[in-house]
PDB file of N, CA and C in Angstrom:
ATOM      1  N   MET A   1     -88.004  46.866 -26.291  1.00  0.00           N
ATOM      2  CA  MET A   1     -88.676  46.882 -25.003  1.00  0.00           C
ATOM      3  C   MET A   1     -88.744  48.334 -24.520  1.00  0.00           C
ATOM      4  N   SER A   2     -89.931  48.767 -24.178  1.00  0.00           N
ATOM      5  CA  SER A   2     -90.094  50.154 -23.778  1.00  0.00           C
ATOM      6  C   SER A   2     -89.710  50.351 -22.316  1.00  0.00           C
ATOM      7  N   ALA A   3     -89.645  51.608 -21.919  1.00  0.00           N
ATOM      8  CA  ALA A   3     -89.282  51.922 -20.537  1.00  0.00           C
ATOM      9  C   ALA A   3     -90.387  51.537 -19.567  1.00  0.00           C
ATOM     10  N   LEU A   4     -91.590  51.375 -20.036  1.00  0.00           N
ATOM     11  CA  LEU A   4     -92.711  51.016 -19.179  1.00  0.00           C
ATOM     12  C   LEU A   4     -92.852  49.505 -18.996  1.00  0.00           C
ATOM     13  N   THR A   5     -92.248  48.716 -19.880  1.00  0.00           N
ATOM     14  CA  THR A   5     -92.406  47.264 -19.832  1.00  0.00           C
ATOM     15  C   THR A   5     -91.758  46.658 -18.596  1.00  0.00           C
ATOM     16  N   ILE A   6     -90.578  47.105 -18.242  1.00  0.00           N
ATOM     17  CA  ILE A   6     -89.852  46.517 -17.106  1.00  0.00           C
ATOM     18  C   ILE A   6     -90.582  46.777 -15.786  1.00  0.00           C
ATOM     19  N   PRO A   7     -91.028  48.015 -15.476  1.00  0.00           N
ATOM     20  CA  PRO A   7     -91.787  48.200 -14.234  1.00  0.00           C
ATOM     21  C   PRO A   7     -93.104  47.423 -14.210  1.00  0.00           C
ATOM     22  N   LEU A   8     -93.780  47.342 -15.357  1.00  0.00           N
ATOM     23  CA  LEU A   8     -95.027  46.568 -15.402  1.00  0.00           C
ATOM     24  C   LEU A   8     -94.762  45.085 -15.163  1.00  0.00           C
ATOM     25  N   ALA A   9     -93.691  44.565 -15.726  1.00  0.00           N
ATOM     26  CA  ALA A   9     -93.338  43.164 -15.494  1.00  0.00           C
ATOM     27  C   ALA A   9     -92.966  42.944 -14.036  1.00  0.00           C
ATOM     28  N   ALA A  10     -92.261  43.899 -13.432  1.00  0.00           N
ATOM     29  CA  ALA A  10     -91.895  43.775 -12.016  1.00  0.00           C
ATOM     30  C   ALA A  10     -93.128  43.770 -11.128  1.00  0.00           C
ATOM     31  N   VAL A  11     -94.090  44.636 -11.432  1.00  0.00           N
ATOM     32  CA  VAL A  11     -95.332  44.673 -10.651  1.00  0.00           C
ATOM     33  C   VAL A  11     -96.101  43.369 -10.811  1.00  0.00           C
ATOM     34  N   ALA A  12     -96.132  42.828 -12.013  1.00  0.00           N
ATOM     35  CA  ALA A  12     -96.826  41.558 -12.248  1.00  0.00           C
ATOM     36  C   ALA A  12     -96.178  40.416 -11.468  1.00  0.00           C
ATOM     37  N   VAL A  13     -94.859  40.374 -11.452  1.00  0.00           N
ATOM     38  CA  VAL A  13     -94.166  39.320 -10.712  1.00  0.00           C
ATOM     39  C   VAL A  13     -94.403  39.475  -9.214  1.00  0.00           C
ATOM     40  N   ILE A  14     -94.350  40.704  -8.708  1.00  0.00           N
ATOM     41  CA  ILE A  14     -94.590  40.945  -7.278  1.00  0.00           C
ATOM     42  C   ILE A  14     -96.000  40.518  -6.892  1.00  0.00           C
ATOM     43  N   LEU A  15     -96.989  40.856  -7.716  1.00  0.00           N
ATOM     44  CA  LEU A  15     -98.361  40.447  -7.432  1.00  0.00           C
ATOM     45  C   LEU A  15     -98.528  38.937  -7.479  1.00  0.00           C
ATOM     46  N   ALA A  16     -97.846  38.270  -8.409  1.00  0.00           N
ATOM     47  CA  ALA A  16     -97.927  36.818  -8.487  1.00  0.00           C
ATOM     48  C   ALA A  16     -97.315  36.170  -7.244  1.00  0.00           C
ATOM     49  N   VAL A  17     -96.176  36.673  -6.794  1.00  0.00           N
ATOM     50  CA  VAL A  17     -95.536  36.130  -5.597  1.00  0.00           C
ATOM     51  C   VAL A  17     -96.407  36.362  -4.369  1.00  0.00           C
ATOM     52  N   LEU A  18     -96.977  37.557  -4.255  1.00  0.00           N
ATOM     53  CA  LEU A  18     -97.857  37.839  -3.126  1.00  0.00           C
ATOM     54  C   LEU A  18     -99.110  36.964  -3.162  1.00  0.00           C
ATOM     55  N   ALA A  19     -99.629  36.682  -4.341  1.00  0.00           N
ATOM     56  CA  ALA A  19    -100.796  35.811  -4.450  1.00  0.00           C
ATOM     57  C   ALA A  19    -100.458  34.383  -4.021  1.00  0.00           C
ATOM     58  N   ILE A  20     -99.291  33.904  -4.413  1.00  0.00           N
ATOM     59  CA  ILE A  20     -98.869  32.553  -3.998  1.00  0.00           C
ATOM     60  C   ILE A  20     -98.677  32.503  -2.489  1.00  0.00           C
ATOM     61  N   LEU A  21     -98.044  33.530  -1.918  1.00  0.00           N
ATOM     62  CA  LEU A  21     -97.868  33.572  -0.466  1.00  0.00           C
ATOM     63  C   LEU A  21     -99.206  33.663   0.261  1.00  0.00           C
ATOM     64  N   ALA A  22    -100.158  34.405  -0.310  1.00  0.00           N
ATOM     65  CA  ALA A  22    -101.479  34.521   0.316  1.00  0.00           C
ATOM     66  C   ALA A  22    -102.214  33.183   0.292  1.00  0.00           C
ATOM     67  N   LEU A  23    -102.020  32.399  -0.752  1.00  0.00           N
ATOM     68  CA  LEU A  23    -102.631  31.074  -0.789  1.00  0.00           C
ATOM     69  C   LEU A  23    -101.956  30.125   0.200  1.00  0.00           C
ATOM     70  N   ARG A  24    -100.644  30.255   0.333  1.00  0.00           N
ATOM     71  CA  ARG A  24     -99.903  29.348   1.228  1.00  0.00           C
ATOM     72  C   ARG A  24    -100.119  29.702   2.694  1.00  0.00           C
ATOM     73  N   PHE A  25    -100.203  30.981   3.024  1.00  0.00           N
ATOM     74  CA  PHE A  25    -100.375  31.445   4.406  1.00  0.00           C
ATOM     75  C   PHE A  25    -101.613  32.338   4.478  1.00  0.00           C
ATOM     76  N   PRO A  26    -102.811  31.751   4.520  1.00  0.00           N
ATOM     77  CA  PRO A  26    -104.036  32.554   4.422  1.00  0.00           C
ATOM     78  C   PRO A  26    -104.276  33.487   5.603  1.00  0.00           C
ATOM     79  N   ARG A  27    -103.792  33.143   6.802  1.00  0.00           N
ATOM     80  CA  ARG A  27    -104.018  34.019   7.956  1.00  0.00           C
ATOM     81  C   ARG A  27    -102.882  35.011   8.164  1.00  0.00           C
ATOM     82  N   GLY A  28    -101.990  35.088   7.219  1.00  0.00           N
ATOM     83  CA  GLY A  28    -100.919  36.071   7.281  1.00  0.00           C
ATOM     84  C   GLY A  28     -99.860  35.742   8.319  1.00  0.00           C
ATOM     85  N   ARG A  29     -99.582  36.685   9.196  1.00  0.00           N
ATOM     86  CA  ARG A  29     -98.494  36.568  10.165  1.00  0.00           C
ATOM     87  C   ARG A  29     -98.685  35.393  11.123  1.00  0.00           C
ATOM     88  N   ALA A  30     -99.920  35.031  11.422  1.00  0.00           N
ATOM     89  CA  ALA A  30    -100.159  33.919  12.352  1.00  0.00           C
ATOM     90  C   ALA A  30     -99.676  32.589  11.769  1.00  0.00           C
ATOM     91  N   ASP A  31     -99.719  32.441  10.453  1.00  0.00           N
ATOM     92  CA  ASP A  31     -99.277  31.204   9.808  1.00  0.00           C
ATOM     93  C   ASP A  31     -97.810  31.252   9.369  1.00  0.00           C
ATOM     94  N   TRP A  32     -97.214  32.423   9.337  1.00  0.00           N
ATOM     95  CA  TRP A  32     -95.839  32.576   8.823  1.00  0.00           C
ATOM     96  C   TRP A  32     -94.858  31.959   9.808  1.00  0.00           C
ATOM     97  N   PRO A  33     -93.980  31.019   9.370  1.00  0.00           N
ATOM     98  CA  PRO A  33     -93.114  30.304  10.309  1.00  0.00           C
ATOM     99  C   PRO A  33     -91.856  31.062  10.753  1.00  0.00           C
ATOM    100  N   LEU A  34     -91.508  32.159  10.097  1.00  0.00           N
ATOM    101  CA  LEU A  34     -90.250  32.846  10.396  1.00  0.00           C
ATOM    102  C   LEU A  34     -90.481  34.052  11.292  1.00  0.00           C
ATOM    103  N   ASP A  35     -89.469  34.375  12.113  1.00  0.00           N
ATOM    104  CA  ASP A  35     -89.558  35.596  12.919  1.00  0.00           C
ATOM    105  C   ASP A  35     -89.192  36.804  12.054  1.00  0.00           C
ATOM    106  N   SER A  36     -89.239  37.992  12.630  1.00  0.00           N
ATOM    107  CA  SER A  36     -89.050  39.197  11.825  1.00  0.00           C
ATOM    108  C   SER A  36     -87.629  39.318  11.276  1.00  0.00           C
ATOM    109  N   THR A  37     -86.638  38.874  12.030  1.00  0.00           N
ATOM    110  CA  THR A  37     -85.251  38.955  11.543  1.00  0.00           C
ATOM    111  C   THR A  37     -85.049  38.046  10.342  1.00  0.00           C
ATOM    112  N   ALA A  38     -85.517  36.817  10.439  1.00  0.00           N
ATOM    113  CA  ALA A  38     -85.381  35.877   9.324  1.00  0.00           C
ATOM    114  C   ALA A  38     -86.176  36.356   8.107  1.00  0.00           C
ATOM    115  N   THR A  39     -87.339  36.953   8.350  1.00  0.00           N
ATOM    116  CA  THR A  39     -88.140  37.496   7.246  1.00  0.00           C
ATOM    117  C   THR A  39     -87.399  38.639   6.567  1.00  0.00           C
ATOM    118  N   GLY A  40     -86.751  39.488   7.348  1.00  0.00           N
ATOM    119  CA  GLY A  40     -85.973  40.585   6.781  1.00  0.00           C
ATOM    120  C   GLY A  40     -84.805  40.086   5.939  1.00  0.00           C
ATOM    121  N   PHE A  41     -84.079  39.084   6.449  1.00  0.00           N
ATOM    122  CA  PHE A  41     -82.977  38.514   5.670  1.00  0.00           C
ATOM    123  C   PHE A  41     -83.479  37.857   4.392  1.00  0.00           C
ATOM    124  N   LEU A  42     -84.622  37.188   4.459  1.00  0.00           N
ATOM    125  CA  LEU A  42     -85.203  36.587   3.264  1.00  0.00           C
ATOM    126  C   LEU A  42     -85.580  37.655   2.247  1.00  0.00           C
ATOM    127  N   ALA A  43     -86.185  38.742   2.715  1.00  0.00           N
ATOM    128  CA  ALA A  43     -86.561  39.831   1.809  1.00  0.00           C
ATOM    129  C   ALA A  43     -85.326  40.480   1.180  1.00  0.00           C
ATOM    130  N   LEU A  44     -84.269  40.686   1.972  1.00  0.00           N
ATOM    131  CA  LEU A  44     -83.038  41.261   1.419  1.00  0.00           C
ATOM    132  C   LEU A  44     -82.383  40.328   0.411  1.00  0.00           C
ATOM    133  N   SER A  45     -82.397  39.037   0.673  1.00  0.00           N
ATOM    134  CA  SER A  45     -81.814  38.067  -0.255  1.00  0.00           C
ATOM    135  C   SER A  45     -82.562  38.070  -1.579  1.00  0.00           C
ATOM    136  N   VAL A  46     -83.876  38.086  -1.515  1.00  0.00           N
ATOM    137  CA  VAL A  46     -84.673  38.101  -2.746  1.00  0.00           C
ATOM    138  C   VAL A  46     -84.463  39.408  -3.500  1.00  0.00           C
ATOM    139  N   THR A  47     -84.370  40.528  -2.769  1.00  0.00           N
ATOM    140  CA  THR A  47     -84.130  41.816  -3.409  1.00  0.00           C
ATOM    141  C   THR A  47     -82.785  41.837  -4.118  1.00  0.00           C
ATOM    142  N   MET A  48     -81.759  41.287  -3.479  1.00  0.00           N
ATOM    143  CA  MET A  48     -80.437  41.238  -4.114  1.00  0.00           C
ATOM    144  C   MET A  48     -80.449  40.347  -5.359  1.00  0.00           C
ATOM    145  N   LEU A  49     -81.194  39.235  -5.309  1.00  0.00           N
ATOM    146  CA  LEU A  49     -81.310  38.365  -6.473  1.00  0.00           C
ATOM    147  C   LEU A  49     -81.972  39.102  -7.630  1.00  0.00           C
ATOM    148  N   VAL A  50     -83.020  39.842  -7.341  1.00  0.00           N
ATOM    149  CA  VAL A  50     -83.715  40.596  -8.383  1.00  0.00           C
ATOM    150  C   VAL A  50     -82.800  41.671  -8.973  1.00  0.00           C
ATOM    151  N   ILE A  51     -82.065  42.372  -8.119  1.00  0.00           N
ATOM    152  CA  ILE A  51     -81.135  43.395  -8.602  1.00  0.00           C
ATOM    153  C   ILE A  51     -80.057  42.764  -9.476  1.00  0.00           C
ATOM    154  N   LEU A  52     -79.551  41.597  -9.078  1.00  0.00           N
ATOM    155  CA  LEU A  52     -78.538  40.907  -9.871  1.00  0.00           C
ATOM    156  C   LEU A  52     -79.097  40.482 -11.225  1.00  0.00           C
ATOM    157  N   LEU A  53     -80.315  39.960 -11.237  1.00  0.00           N
ATOM    158  CA  LEU A  53     -80.917  39.547 -12.513  1.00  0.00           C
ATOM    159  C   LEU A  53     -81.151  40.741 -13.434  1.00  0.00           C
ATOM    160  N   ILE A  54     -81.576  41.871 -12.877  1.00  0.00           N
ATOM    161  CA  ILE A  54     -81.759  43.073 -13.696  1.00  0.00           C
ATOM    162  C   ILE A  54     -80.418  43.554 -14.236  1.00  0.00           C
ATOM    163  N   ALA A  55     -79.372  43.518 -13.401  1.00  0.00           N
ATOM    164  CA  ALA A  55     -78.040  43.937 -13.855  1.00  0.00           C
ATOM    165  C   ALA A  55     -77.523  43.024 -14.967  1.00  0.00           C
ATOM    166  N   VAL A  56     -77.744  41.720 -14.823  1.00  0.00           N
ATOM    167  CA  VAL A  56     -77.315  40.785 -15.868  1.00  0.00           C
ATOM    168  C   VAL A  56     -78.099  41.039 -17.152  1.00  0.00           C
ATOM    169  N   TYR A  57     -79.382  41.306 -17.025  1.00  0.00           N
ATOM    170  CA  TYR A  57     -80.196  41.601 -18.215  1.00  0.00           C
ATOM    171  C   TYR A  57     -79.655  42.822 -18.951  1.00  0.00           C
ATOM    172  N   PHE A  58     -79.395  43.908 -18.214  1.00  0.00           N
ATOM    173  CA  PHE A  58     -78.892  45.113 -18.865  1.00  0.00           C
ATOM    174  C   PHE A  58     -77.481  44.909 -19.403  1.00  0.00           C
ATOM    175  N   ALA A  59     -76.668  44.119 -18.713  1.00  0.00           N
ATOM    176  CA  ALA A  59     -75.310  43.863 -19.209  1.00  0.00           C
ATOM    177  C   ALA A  59     -75.346  43.066 -20.504  1.00  0.00           C
ATOM    178  N   THR A  60     -76.226  42.081 -20.594  1.00  0.00           N
ATOM    179  CA  THR A  60     -76.293  41.291 -21.825  1.00  0.00           C
ATOM    180  C   THR A  60     -76.957  42.081 -22.944  1.00  0.00           C
ATOM    181  N   ARG A  61     -77.770  43.056 -22.597  1.00  0.00           N
ATOM    182  CA  ARG A  61     -78.428  43.874 -23.618  1.00  0.00           C
ATOM    183  C   ARG A  61     -77.498  44.946 -24.172  1.00  0.00           C
ATOM    184  N   GLN A  62     -76.600  45.467 -23.357  1.00  0.00           N
ATOM    185  CA  GLN A  62     -75.784  46.603 -23.757  1.00  0.00           C
ATOM    186  C   GLN A  62     -74.388  46.223 -24.258  1.00  0.00           C
ATOM    187  N   LEU A  63     -73.834  45.124 -23.758  1.00  0.00           N
ATOM    188  CA  LEU A  63     -72.446  44.776 -24.082  1.00  0.00           C
ATOM    189  C   LEU A  63     -72.366  43.730 -25.177  1.00  0.00           C
ATOM    190  N   GLN A  64     -71.281  43.777 -25.921  1.00  0.00           N
ATOM    191  CA  GLN A  64     -70.998  42.738 -26.906  1.00  0.00           C
ATOM    192  C   GLN A  64     -70.037  41.751 -26.248  1.00  0.00           C
ATOM    193  N   TRP A  65     -70.537  40.567 -25.905  1.00  0.00           N
ATOM    194  CA  TRP A  65     -69.753  39.584 -25.181  1.00  0.00           C
ATOM    195  C   TRP A  65     -68.913  38.740 -26.132  1.00  0.00           C
ATOM    196  N   PRO A  66     -67.761  38.233 -25.645  1.00  0.00           N
ATOM    197  CA  PRO A  66     -66.976  37.291 -26.465  1.00  0.00           C
ATOM    198  C   PRO A  66     -67.712  35.949 -26.551  1.00  0.00           C
ATOM    199  N   PRO A  67     -67.179  35.000 -27.294  1.00  0.00           N
ATOM    200  CA  PRO A  67     -67.841  33.698 -27.399  1.00  0.00           C
ATOM    201  C   PRO A  67     -68.029  33.034 -26.034  1.00  0.00           C
ATOM    202  N   ALA A  68     -68.977  32.096 -25.975  1.00  0.00           N
ATOM    203  CA  ALA A  68     -69.365  31.468 -24.708  1.00  0.00           C
ATOM    204  C   ALA A  68     -68.211  30.710 -24.054  1.00  0.00           C
ATOM    205  N   VAL A  69     -67.349  30.084 -24.835  1.00  0.00           N
ATOM    206  CA  VAL A  69     -66.240  29.315 -24.261  1.00  0.00           C
ATOM    207  C   VAL A  69     -65.264  30.245 -23.550  1.00  0.00           C
ATOM    208  N   ILE A  70     -64.974  31.371 -24.140  1.00  0.00           N
ATOM    209  CA  ILE A  70     -64.056  32.331 -23.516  1.00  0.00           C
ATOM    210  C   ILE A  70     -64.687  32.910 -22.254  1.00  0.00           C
ATOM    211  N   THR A  71     -65.960  33.252 -22.328  1.00  0.00           N
ATOM    212  CA  THR A  71     -66.649  33.796 -21.158  1.00  0.00           C
ATOM    213  C   THR A  71     -66.684  32.768 -20.026  1.00  0.00           C
ATOM    214  N   ALA A  72     -66.978  31.512 -20.349  1.00  0.00           N
ATOM    215  CA  ALA A  72     -67.014  30.464 -19.324  1.00  0.00           C
ATOM    216  C   ALA A  72     -65.630  30.235 -18.729  1.00  0.00           C
ATOM    217  N   GLY A  73     -64.610  30.268 -19.548  1.00  0.00           N
ATOM    218  CA  GLY A  73     -63.251  30.094 -19.040  1.00  0.00           C
ATOM    219  C   GLY A  73     -62.836  31.222 -18.106  1.00  0.00           C
ATOM    220  N   LEU A  74     -63.131  32.449 -18.507  1.00  0.00           N
ATOM    221  CA  LEU A  74     -62.807  33.589 -17.646  1.00  0.00           C
ATOM    222  C   LEU A  74     -63.625  33.565 -16.356  1.00  0.00           C
ATOM    223  N   GLY A  75     -64.888  33.197 -16.464  1.00  0.00           N
ATOM    224  CA  GLY A  75     -65.727  33.085 -15.263  1.00  0.00           C
ATOM    225  C   GLY A  75     -65.219  32.023 -14.313  1.00  0.00           C
ATOM    226  N   SER A  76     -64.797  30.883 -14.866  1.00  0.00           N
ATOM    227  CA  SER A  76     -64.244  29.818 -14.026  1.00  0.00           C
ATOM    228  C   SER A  76     -62.955  30.261 -13.354  1.00  0.00           C
ATOM    229  N   ALA A  77     -62.103  30.955 -14.110  1.00  0.00           N
ATOM    230  CA  ALA A  77     -60.846  31.433 -13.529  1.00  0.00           C
ATOM    231  C   ALA A  77     -61.112  32.443 -12.411  1.00  0.00           C
ATOM    232  N   LEU A  78     -62.081  33.328 -12.607  1.00  0.00           N
ATOM    233  CA  LEU A  78     -62.426  34.287 -11.557  1.00  0.00           C
ATOM    234  C   LEU A  78     -63.012  33.599 -10.329  1.00  0.00           C
ATOM    235  N   ALA A  79     -63.845  32.587 -10.548  1.00  0.00           N
ATOM    236  CA  ALA A  79     -64.437  31.863  -9.417  1.00  0.00           C
ATOM    237  C   ALA A  79     -63.366  31.119  -8.624  1.00  0.00           C
ATOM    238  N   ILE A  80     -62.427  30.470  -9.308  1.00  0.00           N
ATOM    239  CA  ILE A  80     -61.355  29.753  -8.619  1.00  0.00           C
ATOM    240  C   ILE A  80     -60.451  30.740  -7.884  1.00  0.00           C
ATOM    241  N   GLY A  81     -60.182  31.888  -8.500  1.00  0.00           N
ATOM    242  CA  GLY A  81     -59.383  32.913  -7.826  1.00  0.00           C
ATOM    243  C   GLY A  81     -60.081  33.451  -6.586  1.00  0.00           C
ATOM    244  N   ALA A  82     -61.394  33.666  -6.679  1.00  0.00           N
ATOM    245  CA  ALA A  82     -62.144  34.141  -5.514  1.00  0.00           C
ATOM    246  C   ALA A  82     -62.136  33.095  -4.403  1.00  0.00           C
ATOM    247  N   LEU A  83     -62.291  31.830  -4.752  1.00  0.00           N
ATOM    248  CA  LEU A  83     -62.231  30.767  -3.742  1.00  0.00           C
ATOM    249  C   LEU A  83     -60.852  30.695  -3.095  1.00  0.00           C
ATOM    250  N   ALA A  84     -59.800  30.885  -3.881  1.00  0.00           N
ATOM    251  CA  ALA A  84     -58.451  30.863  -3.325  1.00  0.00           C
ATOM    252  C   ALA A  84     -58.244  32.014  -2.344  1.00  0.00           C
ATOM    253  N   ILE A  85     -58.735  33.187  -2.692  1.00  0.00           N
ATOM    254  CA  ILE A  85     -58.600  34.335  -1.790  1.00  0.00           C
ATOM    255  C   ILE A  85     -59.381  34.107  -0.507  1.00  0.00           C
ATOM    256  N   VAL A  86     -60.602  33.581  -0.625  1.00  0.00           N
ATOM    257  CA  VAL A  86     -61.411  33.311   0.560  1.00  0.00           C
ATOM    258  C   VAL A  86     -60.742  32.251   1.433  1.00  0.00           C
ATOM    259  N   SER A  87     -60.158  31.225   0.808  1.00  0.00           N
ATOM    260  CA  SER A  87     -59.502  30.180   1.597  1.00  0.00           C
ATOM    261  C   SER A  87     -58.258  30.709   2.304  1.00  0.00           C
ATOM    262  N   LEU A  88     -57.592  31.709   1.731  1.00  0.00           N
ATOM    263  CA  LEU A  88     -56.446  32.305   2.399  1.00  0.00           C
ATOM    264  C   LEU A  88     -56.868  33.215   3.553  1.00  0.00           C
ATOM    265  N   LEU A  89     -57.960  33.949   3.345  1.00  0.00           N
ATOM    266  CA  LEU A  89     -58.410  34.881   4.378  1.00  0.00           C
ATOM    267  C   LEU A  89     -59.160  34.185   5.503  1.00  0.00           C
ATOM    268  N   LEU A  90     -59.881  33.118   5.196  1.00  0.00           N
ATOM    269  CA  LEU A  90     -60.656  32.385   6.207  1.00  0.00           C
ATOM    270  C   LEU A  90     -60.319  30.901   6.133  1.00  0.00           C
ATOM    271  N   PRO A  91     -59.138  30.496   6.648  1.00  0.00           N
ATOM    272  CA  PRO A  91     -58.728  29.083   6.507  1.00  0.00           C
ATOM    273  C   PRO A  91     -59.629  28.114   7.273  1.00  0.00           C
ATOM    274  N   ARG A  92     -60.298  28.567   8.331  1.00  0.00           N
ATOM    275  CA  ARG A  92     -61.168  27.682   9.104  1.00  0.00           C
ATOM    276  C   ARG A  92     -62.638  27.856   8.754  1.00  0.00           C
ATOM    277  N   GLY A  93     -62.926  28.611   7.720  1.00  0.00           N
ATOM    278  CA  GLY A  93     -64.297  28.851   7.332  1.00  0.00           C
ATOM    279  C   GLY A  93     -64.868  30.100   7.987  1.00  0.00           C
ATOM    280  N   VAL A  94     -66.121  30.349   7.732  1.00  0.00           N
ATOM    281  CA  VAL A  94     -66.786  31.510   8.306  1.00  0.00           C
ATOM    282  C   VAL A  94     -67.101  31.239   9.766  1.00  0.00           C
ATOM    283  N   PRO A  95     -66.670  32.108  10.678  1.00  0.00           N
ATOM    284  CA  PRO A  95     -66.920  31.847  12.102  1.00  0.00           C
ATOM    285  C   PRO A  95     -68.400  31.997  12.438  1.00  0.00           C
ATOM    286  N   ARG A  96     -68.862  31.125  13.319  1.00  0.00           N
ATOM    287  CA  ARG A  96     -70.245  31.211  13.794  1.00  0.00           C
ATOM    288  C   ARG A  96     -70.295  32.097  15.020  1.00  0.00           C
ATOM    289  N   ARG A  97     -71.506  32.587  15.299  1.00  0.00           N
ATOM    290  CA  ARG A  97     -71.653  33.430  16.483  1.00  0.00           C
ATOM    291  C   ARG A  97     -71.669  32.612  17.738  1.00  0.00           C
TER     292      ARG A  97
END
């Protein structure tokens, strides 16, 4: 995969998403149901997802991973450990405003 393929694929995906949004909301902002704050949070969430997917792609391309069972076991152990830490730090859950 060349260095130009990833940006071209990103531009193609962005154009496809914008085309779908243009079909769904033809009058633009007048049809959009979210306010500017919610739109900003949605854009940041999607951006973080894209960054995570790119990071996972490069990690799987560059690293030699152990077998899938070991990776799944370690991932499960890390997830359970993270949940335990969160439950200790926030016993009543995330506070609302």
